[in-house]
């Protein structure tokens, strides 16, 4: 009954914003999840095609393809072999609880109020090399496949061409006229969504730190700030650009003079 009620909430509320982020290479499939709510990734059939290709690669081939150590290639070889559908709560985990990189540390979903989970589910989308695009509660299994990986699949030479307009079209189906689209993904991942295809304007927050006499992007800090921005938008149910400009976490403040067009710069 709770799931039915929650699913109902997902479909009738909070349609004023979508937030896009990148996934993380670091994963946690050991910790318990505080909710039994889960959904299925939209493009699992495509994920199966990719996994079938990954299963064919030896540890040495994975190491060369992904430019990773022997230990990491062995880990991901095993992940590829164990990956299988259907996804269930016993063999998978909700994406928002599985990823543990800097962005996700900034979101800190474990401290998010339970009543905010439907808002997070409706507003946040996670781009993925293996899954295309994920909702926070979509179940995933352990993997490593960055969007920039040059993995040939059939006649396509890389993941950008494999996903083609699939991810962008899926996002467009969800976007409504006048909806706010906030891009907090890395350039590598957002490249899978051509700007010209999107049916609404995109706002890209940029985070800069004052270092050596100038403001510059320090990626370690910027990644965490992206997560903090997601949390701020969800906590405050922000639906407007003016509301977005009010972001003031971790000493970041909006800079009117450094911002240009749809790129909003926050400095500290």
Protein backbone atom coordinates (compact mmCIF):
# COMPACT_ATOMS: atom_id res chain seq x y z
CA UNK A 1 0.00 0.00 0.00
CA UNK A 2 2.82 2.40 0.83
CA UNK A 3 4.48 1.73 -2.51
CA UNK A 4 1.24 2.43 -4.33
CA UNK A 5 0.81 5.68 -2.45
CA UNK A 6 4.41 6.69 -3.06
CA UNK A 7 4.17 5.84 -6.75
CA UNK A 8 1.08 8.00 -6.95
CA UNK A 9 3.02 10.88 -5.44
CA UNK A 10 5.78 10.39 -8.00
CA UNK A 11 3.32 10.93 -10.85
CA UNK A 12 1.29 13.90 -9.62
CA UNK A 13 3.70 16.23 -7.85
CA UNK A 14 6.93 18.16 -8.28
CA UNK A 15 7.09 18.67 -12.05
CA UNK A 16 8.89 22.02 -12.03
CA UNK A 17 12.51 20.89 -12.12
CA UNK A 18 14.89 18.20 -13.29
CA UNK A 19 18.46 17.88 -12.03
CA UNK A 20 21.12 15.92 -13.94
CA UNK A 21 24.23 14.50 -12.24
CA UNK A 22 27.00 12.03 -13.11
CA UNK A 23 27.39 8.66 -11.38
CA UNK A 24 30.40 7.70 -9.25
CA UNK A 25 33.08 5.06 -9.68
CA UNK A 26 33.01 4.31 -5.94
CA UNK A 27 30.17 2.04 -4.84
CA UNK A 28 28.71 0.67 -1.61
CA UNK A 29 26.71 -2.54 -1.85
CA UNK A 30 27.27 -3.55 1.77
CA UNK A 31 25.40 -0.94 3.82
CA UNK A 32 21.70 -1.42 4.48
CA UNK A 33 19.18 0.85 2.76
CA UNK A 34 16.60 2.65 4.95
CA UNK A 35 13.76 2.13 2.47
CA UNK A 36 12.22 -0.83 0.64
CA UNK A 37 10.97 1.43 -2.16
CA UNK A 38 12.61 0.68 -5.49
CA UNK A 39 12.05 1.06 -9.22
CA UNK A 40 13.45 -0.54 -12.37
CA UNK A 41 15.85 1.25 -14.71
CA UNK A 42 14.15 2.22 -17.97
CA UNK A 43 16.81 0.92 -20.34
CA UNK A 44 17.76 -2.46 -18.85
CA UNK A 45 17.50 -4.13 -22.26
CA UNK A 46 20.23 -1.82 -23.57
CA UNK A 47 22.23 -2.45 -20.38
CA UNK A 48 22.04 -6.19 -21.09
CA UNK A 49 23.47 -5.60 -24.57
CA UNK A 50 26.38 -3.64 -23.06
CA UNK A 51 26.97 -6.20 -20.33
CA UNK A 52 27.04 -9.00 -22.91
CA UNK A 53 29.87 -7.15 -24.65
CA UNK A 54 31.70 -6.51 -21.36
CA UNK A 55 31.45 -10.20 -20.40
CA UNK A 56 33.52 -11.07 -23.48
CA UNK A 57 36.48 -8.95 -22.34
CA UNK A 58 39.35 -10.51 -20.41
CA UNK A 59 40.87 -8.85 -17.34
CA UNK A 60 43.78 -7.62 -19.45
CA UNK A 61 41.42 -6.20 -22.09
CA UNK A 62 39.36 -4.42 -19.41
CA UNK A 63 42.54 -2.94 -17.93
CA UNK A 64 43.60 -1.56 -21.32
CA UNK A 65 40.10 -0.33 -22.29
CA UNK A 66 39.38 1.46 -19.02
CA UNK A 67 42.99 2.37 -18.15
CA UNK A 68 42.69 0.77 -14.72
CA UNK A 69 44.98 -1.33 -12.52
CA UNK A 70 45.14 -5.11 -12.56
CA UNK A 71 43.28 -5.24 -9.24
CA UNK A 72 40.47 -3.02 -10.54
CA UNK A 73 40.25 -4.95 -13.80
CA UNK A 74 39.94 -8.21 -11.82
CA UNK A 75 37.19 -6.68 -9.65
CA UNK A 76 35.24 -5.44 -12.64
CA UNK A 77 35.74 -8.64 -14.59
CA UNK A 78 33.99 -10.45 -11.74
CA UNK A 79 31.26 -7.79 -11.61
CA UNK A 80 30.61 -8.21 -15.33
CA UNK A 81 30.32 -11.98 -15.04
CA UNK A 82 27.96 -11.81 -12.06
CA UNK A 83 25.72 -9.11 -13.56
CA UNK A 84 22.31 -10.52 -14.48
CA UNK A 85 18.64 -9.67 -14.67
CA UNK A 86 16.05 -9.53 -13.26
CA UNK A 87 17.10 -6.97 -10.64
CA UNK A 88 15.66 -7.51 -7.17
CA UNK A 89 16.36 -5.96 -3.75
CA UNK A 90 18.40 -9.08 -2.90
CA UNK A 91 20.83 -8.87 -5.85
CA UNK A 92 20.74 -5.09 -6.48
CA UNK A 93 20.62 -1.75 -4.68
CA UNK A 94 18.93 1.60 -5.28
CA UNK A 95 21.30 3.86 -7.24
CA UNK A 96 21.19 6.83 -4.86
CA UNK A 97 22.37 4.59 -2.00
CA UNK A 98 24.89 2.63 -4.09
CA UNK A 99 27.01 5.51 -5.45
CA UNK A 100 29.38 7.02 -2.86
CA UNK A 101 31.54 9.58 -4.72
CA UNK A 102 31.98 13.24 -3.79
CA UNK A 103 28.70 14.35 -5.41
CA UNK A 104 26.78 11.72 -3.46
CA UNK A 105 28.55 12.63 -0.23
CA UNK A 106 27.28 16.16 -0.82
CA UNK A 107 23.73 14.89 -1.32
CA UNK A 108 24.02 12.74 1.84
CA UNK A 109 20.81 10.84 1.12
CA UNK A 110 20.92 8.96 4.41
CA UNK A 111 20.19 12.18 6.29
CA UNK A 112 17.43 13.27 3.89
CA UNK A 113 13.98 13.47 5.47
CA UNK A 114 11.84 10.50 4.45
CA UNK A 115 9.11 12.75 3.07
CA UNK A 116 11.67 14.26 0.65
CA UNK A 117 12.41 10.92 -1.07
CA UNK A 118 9.48 11.27 -3.55
CA UNK A 119 10.76 14.73 -4.51
CA UNK A 120 14.27 13.38 -5.03
CA UNK A 121 12.91 10.48 -7.10
CA UNK A 122 10.90 12.79 -9.32
CA UNK A 123 13.51 15.52 -9.80
CA UNK A 124 16.94 13.88 -9.89
CA UNK A 125 18.36 11.93 -12.83
CA UNK A 126 21.72 10.14 -12.84
CA UNK A 127 23.48 9.63 -16.18
CA UNK A 128 25.27 6.31 -16.59
CA UNK A 129 27.43 4.61 -19.20
CA UNK A 130 25.78 1.24 -18.50
CA UNK A 131 22.23 2.26 -17.59
CA UNK A 132 21.78 5.39 -19.73
CA UNK A 133 19.73 7.40 -17.25
CA UNK A 134 18.62 6.43 -13.75
CA UNK A 135 16.09 7.59 -11.19
CA UNK A 136 17.43 7.59 -7.61
CA UNK A 137 15.46 4.49 -6.56
CA UNK A 138 16.25 2.47 -9.69
CA UNK A 139 17.97 -0.79 -8.75
CA UNK A 140 21.49 -1.31 -10.09
CA UNK A 141 24.18 -3.95 -9.79
CA UNK A 142 27.89 -3.17 -9.33
CA UNK A 143 29.63 -2.01 -12.50
CA UNK A 144 32.24 0.30 -13.94
CA UNK A 145 31.65 1.83 -17.35
CA UNK A 146 32.39 5.51 -17.79
CA UNK A 147 30.51 7.34 -20.52
CA UNK A 148 33.74 8.25 -22.32
CA UNK A 149 34.82 4.60 -22.66
CA UNK A 150 35.51 3.66 -26.28
CA UNK A 151 33.61 0.39 -26.15
CA UNK A 152 32.50 -0.82 -29.60
CA UNK A 153 29.00 -2.35 -29.61
CA UNK A 154 27.83 -3.73 -32.92
CA UNK A 155 28.21 -0.94 -35.48
CA UNK A 156 28.66 1.80 -32.84
CA UNK A 157 32.19 2.73 -31.86
CA UNK A 158 31.54 4.22 -28.42
CA UNK A 159 28.89 4.77 -25.74
CA UNK A 160 27.87 8.21 -27.00
CA UNK A 161 26.87 6.68 -30.32
CA UNK A 162 25.34 3.64 -28.63
CA UNK A 163 23.02 5.82 -26.55
CA UNK A 164 22.60 8.28 -29.46
CA UNK A 165 19.47 10.35 -28.68
CA UNK A 166 17.97 7.73 -26.35
CA UNK A 167 18.86 9.52 -23.12
CA UNK A 168 17.94 12.96 -24.45
CA UNK A 169 14.59 11.74 -25.74
CA UNK A 170 13.82 10.06 -22.43
CA UNK A 171 14.59 13.28 -20.60
CA UNK A 172 12.50 15.33 -23.01
CA UNK A 173 9.52 13.05 -22.39
CA UNK A 174 9.67 13.97 -18.72
CA UNK A 175 10.30 17.68 -19.15
CA UNK A 176 7.36 20.05 -19.25
CA UNK A 177 7.28 23.50 -20.82
CA UNK A 178 8.66 26.03 -18.38
CA UNK A 179 10.38 23.37 -16.30
CA UNK A 180 13.81 24.14 -14.89
CA UNK A 181 16.64 21.84 -16.04
CA UNK A 182 19.74 22.07 -13.86
CA UNK A 183 22.92 20.49 -15.21
CA UNK A 184 25.21 19.33 -12.42
CA UNK A 185 26.84 16.57 -14.47
CA UNK A 186 30.42 16.50 -15.69
CA UNK A 187 31.21 17.45 -19.28
CA UNK A 188 32.03 13.79 -20.05
CA UNK A 189 28.55 12.67 -19.09
CA UNK A 190 26.44 15.58 -20.25
CA UNK A 191 27.94 15.18 -23.71
CA UNK A 192 25.50 12.26 -24.16
CA UNK A 193 22.65 14.81 -24.19
CA UNK A 194 23.02 17.25 -27.13
CA UNK A 195 21.88 20.73 -26.04
CA UNK A 196 20.08 21.33 -29.33
CA UNK A 197 17.84 18.32 -28.65
CA UNK A 198 16.57 19.57 -25.29
CA UNK A 199 13.17 21.25 -25.34
CA UNK A 200 13.81 23.53 -22.33
CA UNK A 201 16.72 25.86 -21.48
CA UNK A 202 19.48 24.36 -19.37
CA UNK A 203 21.04 26.05 -16.33
CA UNK A 204 24.61 25.03 -15.46
CA UNK A 205 25.93 26.01 -12.02
CA UNK A 206 29.72 26.40 -11.87
CA UNK A 207 31.67 26.39 -8.61
CA UNK A 208 34.95 28.30 -8.27
CA UNK A 209 37.40 28.69 -5.41
CA UNK A 210 39.81 31.60 -4.89
CA UNK A 211 43.28 30.12 -5.27
CA UNK A 212 46.64 31.70 -6.09
CA UNK A 213 45.08 35.08 -6.71
CA UNK A 214 42.23 34.00 -8.98
CA UNK A 215 38.95 32.11 -9.05
CA UNK A 216 39.24 28.68 -10.61
CA UNK A 217 37.41 25.35 -10.65
CA UNK A 218 38.98 22.91 -8.21
CA UNK A 219 37.40 19.65 -9.27
CA UNK A 220 37.49 17.95 -5.87
CA UNK A 221 35.59 20.86 -4.32
CA UNK A 222 33.33 21.34 -7.34
CA UNK A 223 32.10 17.74 -7.23
CA UNK A 224 31.06 18.02 -3.60
CA UNK A 225 29.45 21.40 -4.30
CA UNK A 226 27.32 19.80 -7.03
CA UNK A 227 26.01 17.36 -4.47
CA UNK A 228 25.38 20.14 -1.95
CA UNK A 229 23.45 22.00 -4.65
CA UNK A 230 21.24 18.95 -5.26
CA UNK A 231 20.55 18.70 -1.53
CA UNK A 232 19.77 22.42 -1.28
CA UNK A 233 17.33 22.24 -4.21
CA UNK A 234 15.55 19.22 -2.74
CA UNK A 235 15.49 20.43 0.87
CA UNK A 236 13.99 23.75 -0.20
CA UNK A 237 11.87 22.46 -3.12
CA UNK A 238 13.43 25.08 -5.40
CA UNK A 239 11.60 25.60 -8.70
CA UNK A 240 13.03 28.89 -10.01
CA UNK A 241 16.36 30.35 -11.14
CA UNK A 242 16.12 32.98 -8.40
CA UNK A 243 15.72 30.24 -5.84
CA UNK A 244 18.73 28.44 -7.29
CA UNK A 245 20.82 31.61 -6.94
CA UNK A 246 20.13 31.50 -3.20
CA UNK A 247 22.45 28.50 -2.79
CA UNK A 248 24.85 29.31 0.07
CA UNK A 249 26.23 26.01 1.35
CA UNK A 250 29.88 25.47 2.34
CA UNK A 251 30.51 29.24 2.01
CA UNK A 252 29.66 29.38 -1.71
CA UNK A 253 27.76 32.45 -2.87
CA UNK A 254 26.24 33.39 -6.23
CA UNK A 255 28.37 35.81 -8.28
CA UNK A 256 26.29 38.00 -10.59
CA UNK A 257 29.34 39.57 -12.22
CA UNK A 258 31.02 36.26 -13.05
CA UNK A 259 27.88 34.57 -14.35
CA UNK A 260 27.12 34.62 -18.05
CA UNK A 261 23.95 33.50 -19.79
CA UNK A 262 22.78 30.14 -18.49
CA UNK A 263 26.03 29.52 -16.59
CA UNK A 264 25.59 30.57 -12.96
CA UNK A 265 28.87 30.96 -11.10
CA UNK A 266 29.18 30.41 -7.35
CA UNK A 267 32.40 31.42 -5.60
CA UNK A 268 34.08 31.18 -2.23
